[in-house]
PDB file of all heavy atoms in Angstrom:
ATOM      1  N   VAL A   1      -2.043 -14.048   3.470  1.00  0.00           N
ATOM      2  CA  VAL A   1      -1.567 -15.348   3.930  1.00  0.00           C
ATOM      3  C   VAL A   1      -2.758 -16.169   4.413  1.00  0.00           C
ATOM      4  O   VAL A   1      -3.453 -15.749   5.354  1.00  0.00           O
ATOM      5  CB  VAL A   1      -0.542 -15.186   5.068  1.00  0.00           C
ATOM      6  CG1 VAL A   1      -0.067 -16.546   5.555  1.00  0.00           C
ATOM      7  CG2 VAL A   1       0.645 -14.336   4.605  1.00  0.00           C
ATOM      8  N   PRO A   2      -3.046 -17.303   3.789  1.00  0.00           N
ATOM      9  CA  PRO A   2      -4.175 -18.127   4.232  1.00  0.00           C
ATOM     10  C   PRO A   2      -4.035 -18.515   5.706  1.00  0.00           C
ATOM     11  O   PRO A   2      -2.959 -18.924   6.152  1.00  0.00           O
ATOM     12  CB  PRO A   2      -4.085 -19.356   3.318  1.00  0.00           C
ATOM     13  CG  PRO A   2      -3.349 -18.876   2.098  1.00  0.00           C
ATOM     14  CD  PRO A   2      -2.370 -17.865   2.605  1.00  0.00           C
ATOM     15  N   GLY A   3      -5.106 -18.369   6.454  1.00  0.00           N
ATOM     16  CA  GLY A   3      -5.092 -18.725   7.858  1.00  0.00           C
ATOM     17  C   GLY A   3      -4.537 -17.654   8.770  1.00  0.00           C
ATOM     18  O   GLY A   3      -4.424 -17.872   9.980  1.00  0.00           O
ATOM     19  N   TYR A   4      -4.194 -16.490   8.213  1.00  0.00           N
ATOM     20  CA  TYR A   4      -3.684 -15.387   9.039  1.00  0.00           C
ATOM     21  C   TYR A   4      -4.585 -14.186   8.767  1.00  0.00           C
ATOM     22  O   TYR A   4      -4.354 -13.414   7.832  1.00  0.00           O
ATOM     23  CB  TYR A   4      -2.235 -15.089   8.698  1.00  0.00           C
ATOM     24  CG  TYR A   4      -1.535 -14.219   9.702  1.00  0.00           C
ATOM     25  CD1 TYR A   4      -1.737 -14.375  11.068  1.00  0.00           C
ATOM     26  CD2 TYR A   4      -0.630 -13.239   9.299  1.00  0.00           C
ATOM     27  CE1 TYR A   4      -1.085 -13.594  11.996  1.00  0.00           C
ATOM     28  CE2 TYR A   4       0.024 -12.442  10.225  1.00  0.00           C
ATOM     29  CZ  TYR A   4      -0.203 -12.629  11.571  1.00  0.00           C
ATOM     30  OH  TYR A   4       0.445 -11.841  12.488  1.00  0.00           O
ATOM     31  N   PRO A   5      -5.638 -14.001   9.555  1.00  0.00           N
ATOM     32  CA  PRO A   5      -6.696 -13.047   9.195  1.00  0.00           C
ATOM     33  C   PRO A   5      -6.270 -11.588   9.175  1.00  0.00           C
ATOM     34  O   PRO A   5      -6.956 -10.767   8.587  1.00  0.00           O
ATOM     35  CB  PRO A   5      -7.761 -13.294  10.281  1.00  0.00           C
ATOM     36  CG  PRO A   5      -7.033 -13.923  11.418  1.00  0.00           C
ATOM     37  CD  PRO A   5      -5.939 -14.733  10.800  1.00  0.00           C
ATOM     38  N   GLN A   6      -5.122 -11.249   9.785  1.00  0.00           N
ATOM     39  CA  GLN A   6      -4.706  -9.854   9.767  1.00  0.00           C
ATOM     40  C   GLN A   6      -4.177  -9.405   8.411  1.00  0.00           C
ATOM     41  O   GLN A   6      -4.210  -8.213   8.093  1.00  0.00           O
ATOM     42  CB  GLN A   6      -3.619  -9.604  10.832  1.00  0.00           C
ATOM     43  CG  GLN A   6      -4.130  -9.604  12.262  1.00  0.00           C
ATOM     44  CD  GLN A   6      -4.209 -11.010  12.843  1.00  0.00           C
ATOM     45  OE1 GLN A   6      -4.068 -11.986  12.109  1.00  0.00           O
ATOM     46  NE2 GLN A   6      -4.443 -11.110  14.144  1.00  0.00           N
ATOM     47  N   THR A   7      -3.676 -10.335   7.602  1.00  0.00           N
ATOM     48  CA  THR A   7      -3.045  -9.920   6.348  1.00  0.00           C
ATOM     49  C   THR A   7      -4.008  -9.278   5.353  1.00  0.00           C
ATOM     50  O   THR A   7      -3.603  -8.356   4.636  1.00  0.00           O
ATOM     51  CB  THR A   7      -2.306 -11.097   5.687  1.00  0.00           C
ATOM     52  OG1 THR A   7      -3.175 -12.228   5.598  1.00  0.00           O
ATOM     53  CG2 THR A   7      -1.084 -11.473   6.490  1.00  0.00           C
ATOM     54  N   PRO A   8      -5.280  -9.680   5.246  1.00  0.00           N
ATOM     55  CA  PRO A   8      -6.163  -8.947   4.325  1.00  0.00           C
ATOM     56  C   PRO A   8      -6.361  -7.487   4.719  1.00  0.00           C
ATOM     57  O   PRO A   8      -6.625  -6.644   3.859  1.00  0.00           O
ATOM     58  CB  PRO A   8      -7.484  -9.728   4.415  1.00  0.00           C
ATOM     59  CG  PRO A   8      -7.097 -11.091   4.863  1.00  0.00           C
ATOM     60  CD  PRO A   8      -5.932 -10.887   5.783  1.00  0.00           C
ATOM     61  N   TRP A   9      -6.224  -7.167   6.012  1.00  0.00           N
ATOM     62  CA  TRP A   9      -6.402  -5.787   6.441  1.00  0.00           C
ATOM     63  C   TRP A   9      -5.265  -4.898   5.936  1.00  0.00           C
ATOM     64  O   TRP A   9      -5.422  -3.691   5.824  1.00  0.00           O
ATOM     65  CB  TRP A   9      -6.434  -5.711   7.971  1.00  0.00           C
ATOM     66  CG  TRP A   9      -7.453  -6.579   8.615  1.00  0.00           C
ATOM     67  CD1 TRP A   9      -8.534  -7.178   8.012  1.00  0.00           C
ATOM     68  CD2 TRP A   9      -7.499  -6.966   9.987  1.00  0.00           C
ATOM     69  NE1 TRP A   9      -9.249  -7.919   8.930  1.00  0.00           N
ATOM     70  CE2 TRP A   9      -8.645  -7.801  10.145  1.00  0.00           C
ATOM     71  CE3 TRP A   9      -6.703  -6.681  11.089  1.00  0.00           C
ATOM     72  CZ2 TRP A   9      -8.976  -8.361  11.376  1.00  0.00           C
ATOM     73  CZ3 TRP A   9      -7.050  -7.234  12.319  1.00  0.00           C
ATOM     74  CH2 TRP A   9      -8.169  -8.064  12.451  1.00  0.00           C
ATOM     75  N   ARG A  10      -4.118  -5.500   5.632  1.00  0.00           N
ATOM     76  CA  ARG A  10      -2.933  -4.731   5.261  1.00  0.00           C
ATOM     77  C   ARG A  10      -2.759  -4.598   3.760  1.00  0.00           C
ATOM     78  O   ARG A  10      -1.772  -4.028   3.294  1.00  0.00           O
ATOM     79  CB  ARG A  10      -1.678  -5.397   5.841  1.00  0.00           C
ATOM     80  CG  ARG A  10      -1.711  -5.543   7.361  1.00  0.00           C
ATOM     81  CD  ARG A  10      -0.594  -6.439   7.826  1.00  0.00           C
ATOM     82  NE  ARG A  10      -0.621  -6.630   9.268  1.00  0.00           N
ATOM     83  CZ  ARG A  10      -0.071  -7.664   9.903  1.00  0.00           C
ATOM     84  NH1 ARG A  10       0.525  -8.602   9.206  1.00  0.00           N
ATOM     85  NH2 ARG A  10      -0.128  -7.755  11.219  1.00  0.00           N
ATOM     86  N   ASN A  11      -3.677  -5.160   2.994  1.00  0.00           N
ATOM     87  CA  ASN A  11      -3.527  -5.160   1.546  1.00  0.00           C
ATOM     88  C   ASN A  11      -4.802  -4.648   0.883  1.00  0.00           C
ATOM     89  O   ASN A  11      -5.912  -4.965   1.324  1.00  0.00           O
ATOM     90  CB  ASN A  11      -3.224  -6.577   1.042  1.00  0.00           C
ATOM     91  CG  ASN A  11      -1.839  -7.035   1.427  1.00  0.00           C
ATOM     92  OD1 ASN A  11      -0.870  -6.716   0.759  1.00  0.00           O
ATOM     93  ND2 ASN A  11      -1.730  -7.778   2.527  1.00  0.00           N
ATOM     94  N   PRO A  12      -4.650  -3.867  -0.195  1.00  0.00           N
ATOM     95  CA  PRO A  12      -5.839  -3.313  -0.871  1.00  0.00           C
ATOM     96  C   PRO A  12      -6.631  -4.389  -1.587  1.00  0.00           C
ATOM     97  O   PRO A  12      -6.081  -5.361  -2.110  1.00  0.00           O
ATOM     98  CB  PRO A  12      -5.227  -2.315  -1.865  1.00  0.00           C
ATOM     99  CG  PRO A  12      -3.834  -2.810  -2.100  1.00  0.00           C
ATOM    100  CD  PRO A  12      -3.384  -3.417  -0.803  1.00  0.00           C
ATOM    101  N   LYS A  13      -7.935  -4.209  -1.615  1.00  0.00           N
ATOM    102  CA  LYS A  13      -8.806  -5.149  -2.321  1.00  0.00           C
ATOM    103  C   LYS A  13      -8.934  -4.797  -3.798  1.00  0.00           C
ATOM    104  O   LYS A  13      -9.278  -5.647  -4.612  1.00  0.00           O
ATOM    105  CB  LYS A  13     -10.186  -5.160  -1.661  1.00  0.00           C
ATOM    106  CG  LYS A  13     -10.201  -5.686  -0.237  1.00  0.00           C
ATOM    107  CD  LYS A  13     -11.622  -5.704   0.321  1.00  0.00           C
ATOM    108  CE  LYS A  13     -11.653  -6.248   1.733  1.00  0.00           C
ATOM    109  NZ  LYS A  13     -13.032  -6.261   2.301  1.00  0.00           N
ATOM    110  N   GLU A  14      -8.694  -3.530  -4.133  1.00  0.00           N
ATOM    111  CA  GLU A  14      -8.821  -3.082  -5.511  1.00  0.00           C
ATOM    112  C   GLU A  14      -7.435  -2.975  -6.164  1.00  0.00           C
ATOM    113  O   GLU A  14      -6.421  -2.862  -5.476  1.00  0.00           O
ATOM    114  CB  GLU A  14      -9.519  -1.719  -5.561  1.00  0.00           C
ATOM    115  CG  GLU A  14     -10.915  -1.709  -4.953  1.00  0.00           C
ATOM    116  CD  GLU A  14     -11.880  -2.599  -5.698  1.00  0.00           C
ATOM    117  OE1 GLU A  14     -11.690  -2.763  -6.916  1.00  0.00           O
ATOM    118  OE2 GLU A  14     -12.811  -3.134  -5.060  1.00  0.00           O
ATOM    119  N   PRO A  15      -7.382  -3.013  -7.519  1.00  0.00           N
ATOM    120  CA  PRO A  15      -6.094  -2.866  -8.204  1.00  0.00           C
ATOM    121  C   PRO A  15      -5.430  -1.538  -7.846  1.00  0.00           C
ATOM    122  O   PRO A  15      -6.096  -0.519  -7.636  1.00  0.00           O
ATOM    123  CB  PRO A  15      -6.477  -2.925  -9.694  1.00  0.00           C
ATOM    124  CG  PRO A  15      -7.798  -3.636  -9.707  1.00  0.00           C
ATOM    125  CD  PRO A  15      -8.498  -3.257  -8.449  1.00  0.00           C
ATOM    126  N   LEU A  16      -4.103  -1.566  -7.797  1.00  0.00           N
ATOM    127  CA  LEU A  16      -3.359  -0.364  -7.460  1.00  0.00           C
ATOM    128  C   LEU A  16      -3.439   0.657  -8.590  1.00  0.00           C
ATOM    129  O   LEU A  16      -3.499   0.307  -9.775  1.00  0.00           O
ATOM    130  CB  LEU A  16      -1.899  -0.710  -7.189  1.00  0.00           C
ATOM    131  CG  LEU A  16      -1.639  -1.689  -6.026  1.00  0.00           C
ATOM    132  CD1 LEU A  16      -0.138  -1.926  -5.880  1.00  0.00           C
ATOM    133  CD2 LEU A  16      -2.230  -1.175  -4.733  1.00  0.00           C
ATOM    134  N   VAL A  17      -3.433   1.915  -8.238  1.00  0.00           N
ATOM    135  CA  VAL A  17      -3.435   3.012  -9.197  1.00  0.00           C
ATOM    136  C   VAL A  17      -2.064   3.672  -9.158  1.00  0.00           C
ATOM    137  O   VAL A  17      -1.621   4.147  -8.110  1.00  0.00           O
ATOM    138  CB  VAL A  17      -4.530   4.047  -8.859  1.00  0.00           C
ATOM    139  CG1 VAL A  17      -4.466   5.225  -9.826  1.00  0.00           C
ATOM    140  CG2 VAL A  17      -5.905   3.391  -8.892  1.00  0.00           C
ATOM    141  N   ARG A  18      -1.377   3.661 -10.286  1.00  0.00           N
ATOM    142  CA  ARG A  18      -0.040   4.250 -10.332  1.00  0.00           C
ATOM    143  C   ARG A  18      -0.138   5.777 -10.445  1.00  0.00           C
ATOM    144  O   ARG A  18      -0.875   6.304 -11.267  1.00  0.00           O
ATOM    145  CB  ARG A  18       0.742   3.699 -11.524  1.00  0.00           C
ATOM    146  CG  ARG A  18       2.162   4.253 -11.646  1.00  0.00           C
ATOM    147  CD  ARG A  18       2.872   3.653 -12.842  1.00  0.00           C
ATOM    148  NE  ARG A  18       3.066   2.224 -12.676  1.00  0.00           N
ATOM    149  CZ  ARG A  18       4.099   1.686 -12.008  1.00  0.00           C
ATOM    150  NH1 ARG A  18       5.000   2.482 -11.453  1.00  0.00           N
ATOM    151  NH2 ARG A  18       4.216   0.382 -11.909  1.00  0.00           N
ATOM    152  N   ARG A  19       0.592   6.473  -9.639  1.00  0.00           N
ATOM    153  CA  ARG A  19       0.682   7.922  -9.737  1.00  0.00           C
ATOM    154  C   ARG A  19       2.113   8.334  -9.446  1.00  0.00           C
ATOM    155  O   ARG A  19       2.828   7.651  -8.706  1.00  0.00           O
ATOM    156  CB  ARG A  19      -0.282   8.607  -8.767  1.00  0.00           C
ATOM    157  CG  ARG A  19       0.037   8.439  -7.302  1.00  0.00           C
ATOM    158  CD  ARG A  19      -0.928   9.247  -6.454  1.00  0.00           C
ATOM    159  NE  ARG A  19      -0.657   9.127  -5.029  1.00  0.00           N
ATOM    160  CZ  ARG A  19       0.261   9.849  -4.377  1.00  0.00           C
ATOM    161  NH1 ARG A  19       0.993  10.744  -5.044  1.00  0.00           N
ATOM    162  NH2 ARG A  19       0.451   9.686  -3.084  1.00  0.00           N
ATOM    163  N   PRO A  20       2.568   9.421 -10.013  1.00  0.00           N
ATOM    164  CA  PRO A  20       3.959   9.836  -9.793  1.00  0.00           C
ATOM    165  C   PRO A  20       4.169  10.262  -8.352  1.00  0.00           C
ATOM    166  O   PRO A  20       3.306  10.920  -7.749  1.00  0.00           O
ATOM    167  CB  PRO A  20       4.124  11.013 -10.760  1.00  0.00           C
ATOM    168  CG  PRO A  20       2.740  11.526 -10.990  1.00  0.00           C
ATOM    169  CD  PRO A  20       1.855  10.329 -10.932  1.00  0.00           C
ATOM    170  N   PRO A  21       5.316   9.885  -7.754  1.00  0.00           N
ATOM    171  CA  PRO A  21       5.616  10.325  -6.394  1.00  0.00           C
ATOM    172  C   PRO A  21       5.727  11.849  -6.327  1.00  0.00           C
ATOM    173  O   PRO A  21       6.208  12.496  -7.260  1.00  0.00           O
ATOM    174  CB  PRO A  21       6.958   9.662  -6.090  1.00  0.00           C
ATOM    175  CG  PRO A  21       7.057   8.519  -7.043  1.00  0.00           C
ATOM    176  CD  PRO A  21       6.351   8.979  -8.277  1.00  0.00           C
ATOM    177  N   THR A  22       5.256  12.424  -5.240  1.00  0.00           N
ATOM    178  CA  THR A  22       5.351  13.870  -5.033  1.00  0.00           C
ATOM    179  C   THR A  22       6.448  14.158  -4.012  1.00  0.00           C
ATOM    180  O   THR A  22       7.111  13.250  -3.496  1.00  0.00           O
ATOM    181  CB  THR A  22       4.008  14.419  -4.532  1.00  0.00           C
ATOM    182  OG1 THR A  22       3.718  13.836  -3.249  1.00  0.00           O
ATOM    183  CG2 THR A  22       2.884  14.078  -5.498  1.00  0.00           C
ATOM    184  N   LEU A  23       6.616  15.427  -3.701  1.00  0.00           N
ATOM    185  CA  LEU A  23       7.676  15.825  -2.786  1.00  0.00           C
ATOM    186  C   LEU A  23       7.526  15.170  -1.422  1.00  0.00           C
ATOM    187  O   LEU A  23       8.520  14.835  -0.764  1.00  0.00           O
ATOM    188  CB  LEU A  23       7.670  17.355  -2.637  1.00  0.00           C
ATOM    189  CG  LEU A  23       8.863  17.963  -1.879  1.00  0.00           C
ATOM    190  CD1 LEU A  23      10.158  17.697  -2.619  1.00  0.00           C
ATOM    191  CD2 LEU A  23       8.646  19.458  -1.681  1.00  0.00           C
ATOM    192  N   SER A  24       6.288  14.944  -0.991  1.00  0.00           N
ATOM    193  CA  SER A  24       6.077  14.359   0.332  1.00  0.00           C
ATOM    194  C   SER A  24       6.569  12.916   0.405  1.00  0.00           C
ATOM    195  O   SER A  24       6.943  12.437   1.475  1.00  0.00           O
ATOM    196  CB  SER A  24       4.597  14.413   0.712  1.00  0.00           C
ATOM    197  OG  SER A  24       3.829  13.666  -0.211  1.00  0.00           O
ATOM    198  N   GLU A  25       6.570  12.182  -0.730  1.00  0.00           N
ATOM    199  CA  GLU A  25       7.090  10.823  -0.731  1.00  0.00           C
ATOM    200  C   GLU A  25       8.596  10.775  -0.981  1.00  0.00           C
ATOM    201  O   GLU A  25       9.267   9.844  -0.547  1.00  0.00           O
ATOM    202  CB  GLU A  25       6.408   9.971  -1.814  1.00  0.00           C
ATOM    203  CG  GLU A  25       4.959   9.618  -1.523  1.00  0.00           C
ATOM    204  CD  GLU A  25       4.002  10.671  -2.011  1.00  0.00           C
ATOM    205  OE1 GLU A  25       4.309  11.320  -3.031  1.00  0.00           O
ATOM    206  OE2 GLU A  25       2.972  10.876  -1.349  1.00  0.00           O
ATOM    207  N   LEU A  26       9.123  11.761  -1.692  1.00  0.00           N
ATOM    208  CA  LEU A  26      10.516  11.719  -2.112  1.00  0.00           C
ATOM    209  C   LEU A  26      11.459  12.451  -1.179  1.00  0.00           C
ATOM    210  O   LEU A  26      12.660  12.514  -1.432  1.00  0.00           O
ATOM    211  CB  LEU A  26      10.651  12.306  -3.529  1.00  0.00           C
ATOM    212  CG  LEU A  26       9.893  11.548  -4.621  1.00  0.00           C
ATOM    213  CD1 LEU A  26      10.035  12.235  -5.957  1.00  0.00           C
ATOM    214  CD2 LEU A  26      10.395  10.111  -4.708  1.00  0.00           C
ATOM    215  N   THR A  27      10.962  13.014  -0.101  1.00  0.00           N
ATOM    216  CA  THR A  27      11.827  13.697   0.857  1.00  0.00           C
ATOM    217  C   THR A  27      11.613  13.125   2.243  1.00  0.00           C
ATOM    218  O   THR A  27      10.561  12.559   2.540  1.00  0.00           O
ATOM    219  CB  THR A  27      11.530  15.200   0.899  1.00  0.00           C
ATOM    220  OG1 THR A  27      10.151  15.379   1.251  1.00  0.00           O
ATOM    221  CG2 THR A  27      11.785  15.851  -0.434  1.00  0.00           C
ATOM    222  N   GLY A  28      12.653  13.277   3.080  1.00  0.00           N
ATOM    223  CA  GLY A  28      12.593  12.801   4.446  1.00  0.00           C
ATOM    224  C   GLY A  28      12.502  11.287   4.502  1.00  0.00           C
ATOM    225  O   GLY A  28      12.318  10.637   3.488  1.00  0.00           O
ATOM    226  N   PRO A  29      12.674  10.679   5.658  1.00  0.00           N
ATOM    227  CA  PRO A  29      12.999  11.369   6.904  1.00  0.00           C
ATOM    228  C   PRO A  29      14.460  11.810   6.944  1.00  0.00           C
ATOM    229  O   PRO A  29      15.347  10.995   6.713  1.00  0.00           O
ATOM    230  CB  PRO A  29      12.720  10.297   7.969  1.00  0.00           C
ATOM    231  CG  PRO A  29      12.928   8.997   7.259  1.00  0.00           C
ATOM    232  CD  PRO A  29      12.525   9.235   5.833  1.00  0.00           C
TER     233      PRO A  29
END
């Protein structure tokens, strides 16, 4: 968000890398 300096900290600078979800992402809470 322009003018909101915290938003760049929350977003990656490099392109996302797709990988299949593992058990740790697909279970819980």
